[in-house]
Amino acid sequence: MVNPWFDPGMFAWIPGTLLGVVGGGIGGPLAGVFASKGKFKKLVIGFFAAILVMSAGLLISGCIAYFSDQPYGVWYGLGFPGLLGLIIFGTLIFVVLNQYREAELRKTMAKDI
């Protein structure tokens, strides 16, 4: 077995916690406040895209750690948050895009009246 990249007992919780706090704590309110009003579309979609890229990076890091015989806490601590992030935020980006479409439809309907 090779030397672990980091101490799994001390640091394995950090990637998942950061992804949850940043993604859920910032991304949720951003989408909830701005998407329903149809504002700051580039910011919100860009934020979700950045979270997806970070999640993919975590998943790839976890796979590399798994195949390089890192301990369970290392590959699981990196891979599982990455997988969850891709599933959750990959699904939510479509919900946010739909909210922007509905907001645009409301704006055009209000102009027609």
PDB file of N, CA and C in Angstrom:
ATOM      1  N   MET A   1       0.849  -1.185   0.000  1.00  0.00           N
ATOM      2  CA  MET A   1       0.000   0.000   0.000  1.00  0.00           C
ATOM      3  C   MET A   1       0.891   1.244   0.000  1.00  0.00           C
ATOM      4  N   VAL A   2       0.516   2.225  -0.727  1.00  0.00           N
ATOM      5  CA  VAL A   2       1.263   3.477  -0.795  1.00  0.00           C
ATOM      6  C   VAL A   2       0.866   4.372   0.371  1.00  0.00           C
ATOM      7  N   ASN A   3       1.626   5.424   0.556  1.00  0.00           N
ATOM      8  CA  ASN A   3       1.299   6.373   1.620  1.00  0.00           C
ATOM      9  C   ASN A   3       0.003   7.095   1.285  1.00  0.00           C
ATOM     10  N   PRO A   4      -0.878   7.269   2.256  1.00  0.00           N
ATOM     11  CA  PRO A   4      -2.135   7.987   1.984  1.00  0.00           C
ATOM     12  C   PRO A   4      -1.868   9.445   1.630  1.00  0.00           C
ATOM     13  N   TRP A   5      -2.727   9.995   0.773  1.00  0.00           N
ATOM     14  CA  TRP A   5      -2.600  11.386   0.352  1.00  0.00           C
ATOM     15  C   TRP A   5      -2.818  12.328   1.526  1.00  0.00           C
ATOM     16  N   PHE A   6      -3.696  11.948   2.422  1.00  0.00           N
ATOM     17  CA  PHE A   6      -3.969  12.731   3.624  1.00  0.00           C
ATOM     18  C   PHE A   6      -4.476  11.774   4.693  1.00  0.00           C
ATOM     19  N   ASP A   7      -4.534  12.237   5.917  1.00  0.00           N
ATOM     20  CA  ASP A   7      -5.018  11.417   7.018  1.00  0.00           C
ATOM     21  C   ASP A   7      -6.543  11.310   6.918  1.00  0.00           C
ATOM     22  N   PRO A   8      -7.055  10.131   6.555  1.00  0.00           N
ATOM     23  CA  PRO A   8      -8.498  10.012   6.364  1.00  0.00           C
ATOM     24  C   PRO A   8      -9.309  10.278   7.625  1.00  0.00           C
ATOM     25  N   GLY A   9      -8.757   9.980   8.775  1.00  0.00           N
ATOM     26  CA  GLY A   9      -9.478  10.218  10.020  1.00  0.00           C
ATOM     27  C   GLY A   9      -9.658  11.690  10.330  1.00  0.00           C
ATOM     28  N   MET A  10      -8.745  12.498   9.837  1.00  0.00           N
ATOM     29  CA  MET A  10      -8.789  13.931  10.137  1.00  0.00           C
ATOM     30  C   MET A  10      -9.443  14.754   9.032  1.00  0.00           C
ATOM     31  N   PHE A  11      -9.250  14.374   7.779  1.00  0.00           N
ATOM     32  CA  PHE A  11      -9.605  15.273   6.684  1.00  0.00           C
ATOM     33  C   PHE A  11     -10.613  14.711   5.685  1.00  0.00           C
ATOM     34  N   ALA A  12     -11.067  13.486   5.822  1.00  0.00           N
ATOM     35  CA  ALA A  12     -11.959  12.896   4.830  1.00  0.00           C
ATOM     36  C   ALA A  12     -13.325  13.578   4.779  1.00  0.00           C
ATOM     37  N   TRP A  13     -13.723  14.227   5.831  1.00  0.00           N
ATOM     38  CA  TRP A  13     -15.040  14.871   5.887  1.00  0.00           C
ATOM     39  C   TRP A  13     -15.055  16.230   5.186  1.00  0.00           C
ATOM     40  N   ILE A  14     -13.889  16.808   4.935  1.00  0.00           N
ATOM     41  CA  ILE A  14     -13.818  18.181   4.426  1.00  0.00           C
ATOM     42  C   ILE A  14     -14.405  18.345   3.017  1.00  0.00           C
ATOM     43  N   PRO A  15     -14.076  17.495   2.024  1.00  0.00           N
ATOM     44  CA  PRO A  15     -14.646  17.727   0.683  1.00  0.00           C
ATOM     45  C   PRO A  15     -16.174  17.699   0.651  1.00  0.00           C
ATOM     46  N   GLY A  16     -16.771  16.729   1.321  1.00  0.00           N
ATOM     47  CA  GLY A  16     -18.227  16.649   1.335  1.00  0.00           C
ATOM     48  C   GLY A  16     -18.874  17.810   2.063  1.00  0.00           C
ATOM     49  N   THR A  17     -18.266  18.215   3.158  1.00  0.00           N
ATOM     50  CA  THR A  17     -18.802  19.335   3.920  1.00  0.00           C
ATOM     51  C   THR A  17     -18.710  20.628   3.120  1.00  0.00           C
ATOM     52  N   LEU A  18     -17.571  20.858   2.488  1.00  0.00           N
ATOM     53  CA  LEU A  18     -17.417  22.071   1.675  1.00  0.00           C
ATOM     54  C   LEU A  18     -18.388  22.088   0.502  1.00  0.00           C
ATOM     55  N   LEU A  19     -18.543  20.940  -0.140  1.00  0.00           N
ATOM     56  CA  LEU A  19     -19.483  20.875  -1.262  1.00  0.00           C
ATOM     57  C   LEU A  19     -20.907  21.143  -0.789  1.00  0.00           C
ATOM     58  N   GLY A  20     -21.282  20.605   0.344  1.00  0.00           N
ATOM     59  CA  GLY A  20     -22.626  20.835   0.876  1.00  0.00           C
ATOM     60  C   GLY A  20     -22.848  22.261   1.314  1.00  0.00           C
ATOM     61  N   VAL A  21     -21.866  22.838   1.984  1.00  0.00           N
ATOM     62  CA  VAL A  21     -22.018  24.206   2.479  1.00  0.00           C
ATOM     63  C   VAL A  21     -22.015  25.206   1.320  1.00  0.00           C
ATOM     64  N   VAL A  22     -21.060  25.054   0.415  1.00  0.00           N
ATOM     65  CA  VAL A  22     -20.977  25.997  -0.707  1.00  0.00           C
ATOM     66  C   VAL A  22     -22.123  25.770  -1.692  1.00  0.00           C
ATOM     67  N   GLY A  23     -22.337  24.511  -2.060  1.00  0.00           N
ATOM     68  CA  GLY A  23     -23.381  24.219  -3.036  1.00  0.00           C
ATOM     69  C   GLY A  23     -24.779  24.454  -2.508  1.00  0.00           C
ATOM     70  N   GLY A  24     -25.068  23.904  -1.356  1.00  0.00           N
ATOM     71  CA  GLY A  24     -26.404  24.039  -0.789  1.00  0.00           C
ATOM     72  C   GLY A  24     -26.626  25.358  -0.079  1.00  0.00           C
ATOM     73  N   GLY A  25     -25.593  25.857   0.572  1.00  0.00           N
ATOM     74  CA  GLY A  25     -25.737  27.088   1.348  1.00  0.00           C
ATOM     75  C   GLY A  25     -25.709  28.348   0.510  1.00  0.00           C
ATOM     76  N   ILE A  26     -25.020  28.299  -0.605  1.00  0.00           N
ATOM     77  CA  ILE A  26     -24.957  29.471  -1.485  1.00  0.00           C
ATOM     78  C   ILE A  26     -25.791  29.248  -2.739  1.00  0.00           C
ATOM     79  N   GLY A  27     -25.680  28.064  -3.335  1.00  0.00           N
ATOM     80  CA  GLY A  27     -26.393  27.780  -4.585  1.00  0.00           C
ATOM     81  C   GLY A  27     -27.900  27.746  -4.434  1.00  0.00           C
ATOM     82  N   GLY A  28     -28.366  27.210  -3.326  1.00  0.00           N
ATOM     83  CA  GLY A  28     -29.810  27.151  -3.092  1.00  0.00           C
ATOM     84  C   GLY A  28     -30.451  28.521  -3.000  1.00  0.00           C
ATOM     85  N   PRO A  29     -29.950  29.379  -2.126  1.00  0.00           N
ATOM     86  CA  PRO A  29     -30.521  30.727  -2.067  1.00  0.00           C
ATOM     87  C   PRO A  29     -30.338  31.527  -3.356  1.00  0.00           C
ATOM     88  N   LEU A  30     -29.193  31.356  -4.031  1.00  0.00           N
ATOM     89  CA  LEU A  30     -29.000  32.053  -5.312  1.00  0.00           C
ATOM     90  C   LEU A  30     -30.095  31.665  -6.296  1.00  0.00           C
ATOM     91  N   ALA A  31     -30.295  30.363  -6.433  1.00  0.00           N
ATOM     92  CA  ALA A  31     -31.302  29.899  -7.375  1.00  0.00           C
ATOM     93  C   ALA A  31     -32.708  30.256  -6.914  1.00  0.00           C
ATOM     94  N   GLY A  32     -32.965  30.113  -5.632  1.00  0.00           N
ATOM     95  CA  GLY A  32     -34.305  30.391  -5.127  1.00  0.00           C
ATOM     96  C   GLY A  32     -34.718  31.838  -5.263  1.00  0.00           C
ATOM     97  N   VAL A  33     -33.788  32.744  -5.035  1.00  0.00           N
ATOM     98  CA  VAL A  33     -34.113  34.169  -5.082  1.00  0.00           C
ATOM     99  C   VAL A  33     -34.106  34.694  -6.509  1.00  0.00           C
ATOM    100  N   PHE A  34     -33.067  34.366  -7.264  1.00  0.00           N
ATOM    101  CA  PHE A  34     -32.894  35.001  -8.562  1.00  0.00           C
ATOM    102  C   PHE A  34     -33.577  34.267  -9.717  1.00  0.00           C
ATOM    103  N   ALA A  35     -33.618  32.948  -9.684  1.00  0.00           N
ATOM    104  CA  ALA A  35     -34.189  32.214 -10.820  1.00  0.00           C
ATOM    105  C   ALA A  35     -35.682  32.457 -10.945  1.00  0.00           C
ATOM    106  N   SER A  36     -36.383  32.532  -9.840  1.00  0.00           N
ATOM    107  CA  SER A  36     -37.830  32.749  -9.926  1.00  0.00           C
ATOM    108  C   SER A  36     -38.158  34.143 -10.443  1.00  0.00           C
ATOM    109  N   LYS A  37     -37.220  35.083 -10.265  1.00  0.00           N
ATOM    110  CA  LYS A  37     -37.420  36.438 -10.780  1.00  0.00           C
ATOM    111  C   LYS A  37     -36.818  36.629 -12.166  1.00  0.00           C
ATOM    112  N   GLY A  38     -36.059  35.653 -12.624  1.00  0.00           N
ATOM    113  CA  GLY A  38     -35.443  35.741 -13.941  1.00  0.00           C
ATOM    114  C   GLY A  38     -34.233  36.658 -13.991  1.00  0.00           C
ATOM    115  N   LYS A  39     -33.552  36.829 -12.892  1.00  0.00           N
ATOM    116  CA  LYS A  39     -32.410  37.746 -12.832  1.00  0.00           C
ATOM    117  C   LYS A  39     -31.110  36.977 -12.627  1.00  0.00           C
ATOM    118  N   PHE A  40     -30.017  37.586 -13.065  1.00  0.00           N
ATOM    119  CA  PHE A  40     -28.657  37.064 -12.871  1.00  0.00           C
ATOM    120  C   PHE A  40     -28.516  35.625 -13.360  1.00  0.00           C
ATOM    121  N   LYS A  41     -29.003  35.359 -14.558  1.00  0.00           N
ATOM    122  CA  LYS A  41     -28.984  34.000 -15.091  1.00  0.00           C
ATOM    123  C   LYS A  41     -27.553  33.489 -15.267  1.00  0.00           C
ATOM    124  N   LYS A  42     -26.673  34.322 -15.796  1.00  0.00           N
ATOM    125  CA  LYS A  42     -25.298  33.877 -16.015  1.00  0.00           C
ATOM    126  C   LYS A  42     -24.603  33.549 -14.696  1.00  0.00           C
ATOM    127  N   LEU A  43     -24.855  34.337 -13.670  1.00  0.00           N
ATOM    128  CA  LEU A  43     -24.247  34.094 -12.364  1.00  0.00           C
ATOM    129  C   LEU A  43     -24.723  32.773 -11.783  1.00  0.00           C
ATOM    130  N   VAL A  44     -26.011  32.557 -11.794  1.00  0.00           N
ATOM    131  CA  VAL A  44     -26.574  31.357 -11.173  1.00  0.00           C
ATOM    132  C   VAL A  44     -26.180  30.101 -11.947  1.00  0.00           C
ATOM    133  N   ILE A  45     -26.328  30.130 -13.263  1.00  0.00           N
ATOM    134  CA  ILE A  45     -25.972  28.961 -14.075  1.00  0.00           C
ATOM    135  C   ILE A  45     -24.459  28.737 -14.021  1.00  0.00           C
ATOM    136  N   GLY A  46     -23.686  29.800 -14.009  1.00  0.00           N
ATOM    137  CA  GLY A  46     -22.244  29.669 -13.881  1.00  0.00           C
ATOM    138  C   GLY A  46     -21.842  29.056 -12.553  1.00  0.00           C
ATOM    139  N   PHE A  47     -22.534  29.443 -11.492  1.00  0.00           N
ATOM    140  CA  PHE A  47     -22.258  28.867 -10.179  1.00  0.00           C
ATOM    141  C   PHE A  47     -22.556  27.375 -10.186  1.00  0.00           C
ATOM    142  N   PHE A  48     -23.694  26.987 -10.749  1.00  0.00           N
ATOM    143  CA  PHE A  48     -24.042  25.577 -10.803  1.00  0.00           C
ATOM    144  C   PHE A  48     -23.063  24.812 -11.683  1.00  0.00           C
ATOM    145  N   ALA A  49     -22.611  25.413 -12.771  1.00  0.00           N
ATOM    146  CA  ALA A  49     -21.622  24.766 -13.630  1.00  0.00           C
ATOM    147  C   ALA A  49     -20.299  24.584 -12.887  1.00  0.00           C
ATOM    148  N   ALA A  50     -19.910  25.580 -12.099  1.00  0.00           N
ATOM    149  CA  ALA A  50     -18.673  25.470 -11.317  1.00  0.00           C
ATOM    150  C   ALA A  50     -18.786  24.353 -10.278  1.00  0.00           C
ATOM    151  N   ILE A  51     -19.940  24.243  -9.645  1.00  0.00           N
ATOM    152  CA  ILE A  51     -20.144  23.163  -8.673  1.00  0.00           C
ATOM    153  C   ILE A  51     -20.095  21.804  -9.370  1.00  0.00           C
ATOM    154  N   LEU A  52     -20.649  21.719 -10.581  1.00  0.00           N
ATOM    155  CA  LEU A  52     -20.585  20.463 -11.324  1.00  0.00           C
ATOM    156  C   LEU A  52     -19.147  20.112 -11.694  1.00  0.00           C
ATOM    157  N   VAL A  53     -18.359  21.102 -12.085  1.00  0.00           N
ATOM    158  CA  VAL A  53     -16.955  20.853 -12.422  1.00  0.00           C
ATOM    159  C   VAL A  53     -16.188  20.397 -11.182  1.00  0.00           C
ATOM    160  N   MET A  54     -16.437  21.045 -10.048  1.00  0.00           N
ATOM    161  CA  MET A  54     -15.779  20.633  -8.804  1.00  0.00           C
ATOM    162  C   MET A  54     -16.191  19.217  -8.403  1.00  0.00           C
ATOM    163  N   SER A  55     -17.453  18.897  -8.584  1.00  0.00           N
ATOM    164  CA  SER A  55     -17.925  17.553  -8.252  1.00  0.00           C
ATOM    165  C   SER A  55     -17.277  16.512  -9.153  1.00  0.00           C
ATOM    166  N   ALA A  56     -17.167  16.830 -10.430  1.00  0.00           N
ATOM    167  CA  ALA A  56     -16.500  15.908 -11.353  1.00  0.00           C
ATOM    168  C   ALA A  56     -15.034  15.729 -10.961  1.00  0.00           C
ATOM    169  N   GLY A  57     -14.387  16.810 -10.555  1.00  0.00           N
ATOM    170  CA  GLY A  57     -13.004  16.718 -10.101  1.00  0.00           C
ATOM    171  C   GLY A  57     -12.858  15.845  -8.868  1.00  0.00           C
ATOM    172  N   LEU A  58     -13.793  15.982  -7.938  1.00  0.00           N
ATOM    173  CA  LEU A  58     -13.765  15.137  -6.743  1.00  0.00           C
ATOM    174  C   LEU A  58     -13.975  13.668  -7.106  1.00  0.00           C
ATOM    175  N   LEU A  59     -14.913  13.402  -8.011  1.00  0.00           N
ATOM    176  CA  LEU A  59     -15.178  12.022  -8.407  1.00  0.00           C
ATOM    177  C   LEU A  59     -13.968  11.423  -9.120  1.00  0.00           C
ATOM    178  N   ILE A  60     -13.358  12.190 -10.000  1.00  0.00           N
ATOM    179  CA  ILE A  60     -12.162  11.704 -10.700  1.00  0.00           C
ATOM    180  C   ILE A  60     -11.027  11.471  -9.711  1.00  0.00           C
ATOM    181  N   SER A  61     -10.860  12.382  -8.757  1.00  0.00           N
ATOM    182  CA  SER A  61      -9.829  12.203  -7.730  1.00  0.00           C
ATOM    183  C   SER A  61     -10.093  10.953  -6.898  1.00  0.00           C
ATOM    184  N   GLY A  62     -11.350  10.722  -6.584  1.00  0.00           N
ATOM    185  CA  GLY A  62     -11.706   9.521  -5.837  1.00  0.00           C
ATOM    186  C   GLY A  62     -11.427   8.250  -6.616  1.00  0.00           C
ATOM    187  N   CYS A  63     -11.699   8.277  -7.920  1.00  0.00           N
ATOM    188  CA  CYS A  63     -11.405   7.105  -8.763  1.00  0.00           C
ATOM    189  C   CYS A  63      -9.907   6.871  -8.867  1.00  0.00           C
ATOM    190  N   ILE A  64      -9.151   7.942  -9.035  1.00  0.00           N
ATOM    191  CA  ILE A  64      -7.690   7.811  -9.087  1.00  0.00           C
ATOM    192  C   ILE A  64      -7.168   7.267  -7.757  1.00  0.00           C
ATOM    193  N   ALA A  65      -7.713   7.756  -6.659  1.00  0.00           N
ATOM    194  CA  ALA A  65      -7.284   7.270  -5.345  1.00  0.00           C
ATOM    195  C   ALA A  65      -7.626   5.793  -5.175  1.00  0.00           C
ATOM    196  N   TYR A  66      -8.798   5.390  -5.660  1.00  0.00           N
ATOM    197  CA  TYR A  66      -9.198   3.988  -5.543  1.00  0.00           C
ATOM    198  C   TYR A  66      -8.251   3.086  -6.315  1.00  0.00           C
ATOM    199  N   PHE A  67      -7.949   3.463  -7.552  1.00  0.00           N
ATOM    200  CA  PHE A  67      -7.105   2.618  -8.385  1.00  0.00           C
ATOM    201  C   PHE A  67      -5.615   2.715  -8.044  1.00  0.00           C
ATOM    202  N   SER A  68      -5.249   3.674  -7.222  1.00  0.00           N
ATOM    203  CA  SER A  68      -3.855   3.744  -6.769  1.00  0.00           C
ATOM    204  C   SER A  68      -3.720   3.212  -5.341  1.00  0.00           C
ATOM    205  N   ASP A  69      -4.688   2.408  -4.920  1.00  0.00           N
ATOM    206  CA  ASP A  69      -4.669   1.693  -3.635  1.00  0.00           C
ATOM    207  C   ASP A  69      -4.571   2.611  -2.419  1.00  0.00           C
ATOM    208  N   GLN A  70      -5.244   3.734  -2.471  1.00  0.00           N
ATOM    209  CA  GLN A  70      -5.331   4.598  -1.301  1.00  0.00           C
ATOM    210  C   GLN A  70      -6.306   3.967  -0.307  1.00  0.00           C
ATOM    211  N   PRO A  71      -6.200   4.320   0.971  1.00  0.00           N
ATOM    212  CA  PRO A  71      -7.134   3.760   1.961  1.00  0.00           C
ATOM    213  C   PRO A  71      -8.579   4.172   1.672  1.00  0.00           C
ATOM    214  N   TYR A  72      -9.480   3.410   2.263  1.00  0.00           N
ATOM    215  CA  TYR A  72     -10.917   3.630   2.065  1.00  0.00           C
ATOM    216  C   TYR A  72     -11.324   5.070   2.350  1.00  0.00           C
ATOM    217  N   GLY A  73     -10.855   5.636   3.437  1.00  0.00           N
ATOM    218  CA  GLY A  73     -11.244   6.994   3.825  1.00  0.00           C
ATOM    219  C   GLY A  73     -10.813   8.041   2.821  1.00  0.00           C
ATOM    220  N   VAL A  74      -9.743   7.785   2.089  1.00  0.00           N
ATOM    221  CA  VAL A  74      -9.265   8.753   1.102  1.00  0.00           C
ATOM    222  C   VAL A  74     -10.142   8.710  -0.143  1.00  0.00           C
ATOM    223  N   TRP A  75     -10.304   7.527  -0.746  1.00  0.00           N
ATOM    224  CA  TRP A  75     -11.070   7.481  -1.996  1.00  0.00           C
ATOM    225  C   TRP A  75     -12.554   7.700  -1.767  1.00  0.00           C
ATOM    226  N   TYR A  76     -13.071   7.232  -0.649  1.00  0.00           N
ATOM    227  CA  TYR A  76     -14.485   7.446  -0.361  1.00  0.00           C
ATOM    228  C   TYR A  76     -14.749   8.904  -0.009  1.00  0.00           C
ATOM    229  N   GLY A  77     -13.835   9.519   0.738  1.00  0.00           N
ATOM    230  CA  GLY A  77     -13.985  10.917   1.125  1.00  0.00           C
ATOM    231  C   GLY A  77     -13.930  11.868  -0.057  1.00  0.00           C
ATOM    232  N   LEU A  78     -13.293  11.461  -1.136  1.00  0.00           N
ATOM    233  CA  LEU A  78     -13.250  12.280  -2.344  1.00  0.00           C
ATOM    234  C   LEU A  78     -14.336  11.883  -3.344  1.00  0.00           C
ATOM    235  N   GLY A  79     -14.513  10.584  -3.546  1.00  0.00           N
ATOM    236  CA  GLY A  79     -15.411  10.109  -4.592  1.00  0.00           C
ATOM    237  C   GLY A  79     -16.885  10.254  -4.291  1.00  0.00           C
ATOM    238  N   PHE A  80     -17.271   9.973  -3.068  1.00  0.00           N
ATOM    239  CA  PHE A  80     -18.699  10.012  -2.744  1.00  0.00           C
ATOM    240  C   PHE A  80     -19.293  11.420  -2.823  1.00  0.00           C
ATOM    241  N   PRO A  81     -18.637  12.450  -2.278  1.00  0.00           N
ATOM    242  CA  PRO A  81     -19.189  13.795  -2.464  1.00  0.00           C
ATOM    243  C   PRO A  81     -19.231  14.206  -3.937  1.00  0.00           C
ATOM    244  N   GLY A  82     -18.235  13.760  -4.706  1.00  0.00           N
ATOM    245  CA  GLY A  82     -18.237  14.068  -6.128  1.00  0.00           C
ATOM    246  C   GLY A  82     -19.409  13.427  -6.846  1.00  0.00           C
ATOM    247  N   LEU A  83     -19.681  12.177  -6.532  1.00  0.00           N
ATOM    248  CA  LEU A  83     -20.814  11.482  -7.149  1.00  0.00           C
ATOM    249  C   LEU A  83     -22.134  12.128  -6.748  1.00  0.00           C
ATOM    250  N   LEU A  84     -22.292  12.409  -5.455  1.00  0.00           N
ATOM    251  CA  LEU A  84     -23.519  13.063  -4.990  1.00  0.00           C
ATOM    252  C   LEU A  84     -23.693  14.443  -5.621  1.00  0.00           C
ATOM    253  N   GLY A  85     -22.601  15.196  -5.701  1.00  0.00           N
ATOM    254  CA  GLY A  85     -22.677  16.523  -6.303  1.00  0.00           C
ATOM    255  C   GLY A  85     -23.105  16.472  -7.757  1.00  0.00           C
ATOM    256  N   LEU A  86     -22.562  15.518  -8.505  1.00  0.00           N
ATOM    257  CA  LEU A  86     -22.962  15.391  -9.907  1.00  0.00           C
ATOM    258  C   LEU A  86     -24.429  15.017 -10.043  1.00  0.00           C
ATOM    259  N   ILE A  87     -24.885  14.122  -9.199  1.00  0.00           N
ATOM    260  CA  ILE A  87     -26.292  13.710  -9.276  1.00  0.00           C
ATOM    261  C   ILE A  87     -27.219  14.845  -8.852  1.00  0.00           C
ATOM    262  N   ILE A  88     -26.944  15.451  -7.716  1.00  0.00           N
ATOM    263  CA  ILE A  88     -27.850  16.464  -7.167  1.00  0.00           C
ATOM    264  C   ILE A  88     -27.834  17.734  -8.013  1.00  0.00           C
ATOM    265  N   PHE A  89     -26.640  18.293  -8.236  1.00  0.00           N
ATOM    266  CA  PHE A  89     -26.579  19.561  -8.959  1.00  0.00           C
ATOM    267  C   PHE A  89     -26.789  19.376 -10.461  1.00  0.00           C
ATOM    268  N   GLY A  90     -26.473  18.181 -10.968  1.00  0.00           N
ATOM    269  CA  GLY A  90     -26.786  17.896 -12.369  1.00  0.00           C
ATOM    270  C   GLY A  90     -28.282  17.853 -12.618  1.00  0.00           C
ATOM    271  N   THR A  91     -29.031  17.406 -11.640  1.00  0.00           N
ATOM    272  CA  THR A  91     -30.495  17.407 -11.737  1.00  0.00           C
ATOM    273  C   THR A  91     -31.058  18.799 -11.490  1.00  0.00           C
ATOM    274  N   LEU A  92     -30.522  19.477 -10.490  1.00  0.00           N
ATOM    275  CA  LEU A  92     -31.055  20.789 -10.121  1.00  0.00           C
ATOM    276  C   LEU A  92     -30.818  21.860 -11.183  1.00  0.00           C
ATOM    277  N   ILE A  93     -29.780  21.711 -11.988  1.00  0.00           N
ATOM    278  CA  ILE A  93     -29.530  22.730 -13.006  1.00  0.00           C
ATOM    279  C   ILE A  93     -30.683  22.769 -14.010  1.00  0.00           C
ATOM    280  N   PHE A  94     -31.299  21.623 -14.267  1.00  0.00           N
ATOM    281  CA  PHE A  94     -32.456  21.602 -15.171  1.00  0.00           C
ATOM    282  C   PHE A  94     -33.669  22.262 -14.518  1.00  0.00           C
ATOM    283  N   VAL A  95     -33.816  22.106 -13.222  1.00  0.00           N
ATOM    284  CA  VAL A  95     -34.903  22.759 -12.499  1.00  0.00           C
ATOM    285  C   VAL A  95     -34.717  24.275 -12.535  1.00  0.00           C
ATOM    286  N   VAL A  96     -33.487  24.721 -12.333  1.00  0.00           N
ATOM    287  CA  VAL A  96     -33.190  26.156 -12.351  1.00  0.00           C
ATOM    288  C   VAL A  96     -33.410  26.725 -13.744  1.00  0.00           C
ATOM    289  N   LEU A  97     -32.978  26.013 -14.767  1.00  0.00           N
ATOM    290  CA  LEU A  97     -33.207  26.475 -16.148  1.00  0.00           C
ATOM    291  C   LEU A  97     -34.699  26.560 -16.453  1.00  0.00           C
ATOM    292  N   ASN A  98     -35.473  25.619 -15.930  1.00  0.00           N
ATOM    293  CA  ASN A  98     -36.918  25.659 -16.119  1.00  0.00           C
ATOM    294  C   ASN A  98     -37.530  26.867 -15.414  1.00  0.00           C
ATOM    295  N   GLN A  99     -37.006  27.215 -14.232  1.00  0.00           N
ATOM    296  CA  GLN A  99     -37.501  28.406 -13.529  1.00  0.00           C
ATOM    297  C   GLN A  99     -37.206  29.664 -14.339  1.00  0.00           C
ATOM    298  N   TYR A 100     -36.046  29.727 -14.957  1.00  0.00           N
ATOM    299  CA  TYR A 100     -35.724  30.877 -15.795  1.00  0.00           C
ATOM    300  C   TYR A 100     -36.641  30.943 -17.017  1.00  0.00           C
ATOM    301  N   ARG A 101     -36.946  29.794 -17.615  1.00  0.00           N
ATOM    302  CA  ARG A 101     -37.879  29.784 -18.749  1.00  0.00           C
ATOM    303  C   ARG A 101     -39.269  30.261 -18.328  1.00  0.00           C
ATOM    304  N   GLU A 102     -39.729  29.815 -17.173  1.00  0.00           N
ATOM    305  CA  GLU A 102     -41.039  30.248 -16.678  1.00  0.00           C
ATOM    306  C   GLU A 102     -41.059  31.738 -16.357  1.00  0.00           C
ATOM    307  N   ALA A 103     -39.982  32.258 -15.801  1.00  0.00           N
ATOM    308  CA  ALA A 103     -39.903  33.688 -15.506  1.00  0.00           C
ATOM    309  C   ALA A 103     -39.924  34.505 -16.793  1.00  0.00           C
ATOM    310  N   GLU A 104     -39.234  34.014 -17.817  1.00  0.00           N
ATOM    311  CA  GLU A 104     -39.237  34.711 -19.104  1.00  0.00           C
ATOM    312  C   GLU A 104     -40.630  34.666 -19.735  1.00  0.00           C
ATOM    313  N   LEU A 105     -41.308  33.538 -19.597  1.00  0.00           N
ATOM    314  CA  LEU A 105     -42.672  33.422 -20.113  1.00  0.00           C
ATOM    315  C   LEU A 105     -43.610  34.382 -19.387  1.00  0.00           C
ATOM    316  N   ARG A 106     -43.447  34.507 -18.071  1.00  0.00           N
ATOM    317  CA  ARG A 106     -44.285  35.450 -17.320  1.00  0.00           C
ATOM    318  C   ARG A 106     -44.036  36.884 -17.774  1.00  0.00           C
ATOM    319  N   LYS A 107     -42.767  37.207 -18.040  1.00  0.00           N
ATOM    320  CA  LYS A 107     -42.445  38.560 -18.497  1.00  0.00           C
ATOM    321  C   LYS A 107     -43.069  38.861 -19.860  1.00  0.00           C
ATOM    322  N   THR A 108     -43.003  37.907 -20.768  1.00  0.00           N
ATOM    323  CA  THR A 108     -43.575  38.139 -22.094  1.00  0.00           C
ATOM    324  C   THR A 108     -45.097  38.207 -22.031  1.00  0.00           C
ATOM    325  N   MET A 109     -45.699  37.411 -21.160  1.00  0.00           N
ATOM    326  CA  MET A 109     -47.158  37.461 -21.002  1.00  0.00           C
ATOM    327  C   MET A 109     -47.589  38.781 -20.383  1.00  0.00           C
ATOM    328  N   ALA A 110     -46.794  39.311 -19.478  1.00  0.00           N
ATOM    329  CA  ALA A 110     -47.116  40.606 -18.861  1.00  0.00           C
ATOM    330  C   ALA A 110     -46.983  41.727 -19.883  1.00  0.00           C
ATOM    331  N   LYS A 111     -46.054  41.614 -20.807  1.00  0.00           N
ATOM    332  CA  LYS A 111     -45.913  42.631 -21.856  1.00  0.00           C
ATOM    333  C   LYS A 111     -47.089  42.576 -22.830  1.00  0.00           C
ATOM    334  N   ASP A 112     -47.616  41.393 -23.077  1.00  0.00           N
ATOM    335  CA  ASP A 112     -48.731  41.241 -24.002  1.00  0.00           C
ATOM    336  C   ASP A 112     -50.021  41.827 -23.434  1.00  0.00           C
ATOM    337  N   ILE A 113     -50.147  41.857 -22.150  1.00  0.00           N
ATOM    338  CA  ILE A 113     -51.370  42.371 -21.511  1.00  0.00           C
ATOM    339  C   ILE A 113     -51.314  43.839 -21.529  1.00  0.00           C
TER     340      ILE A 113
END
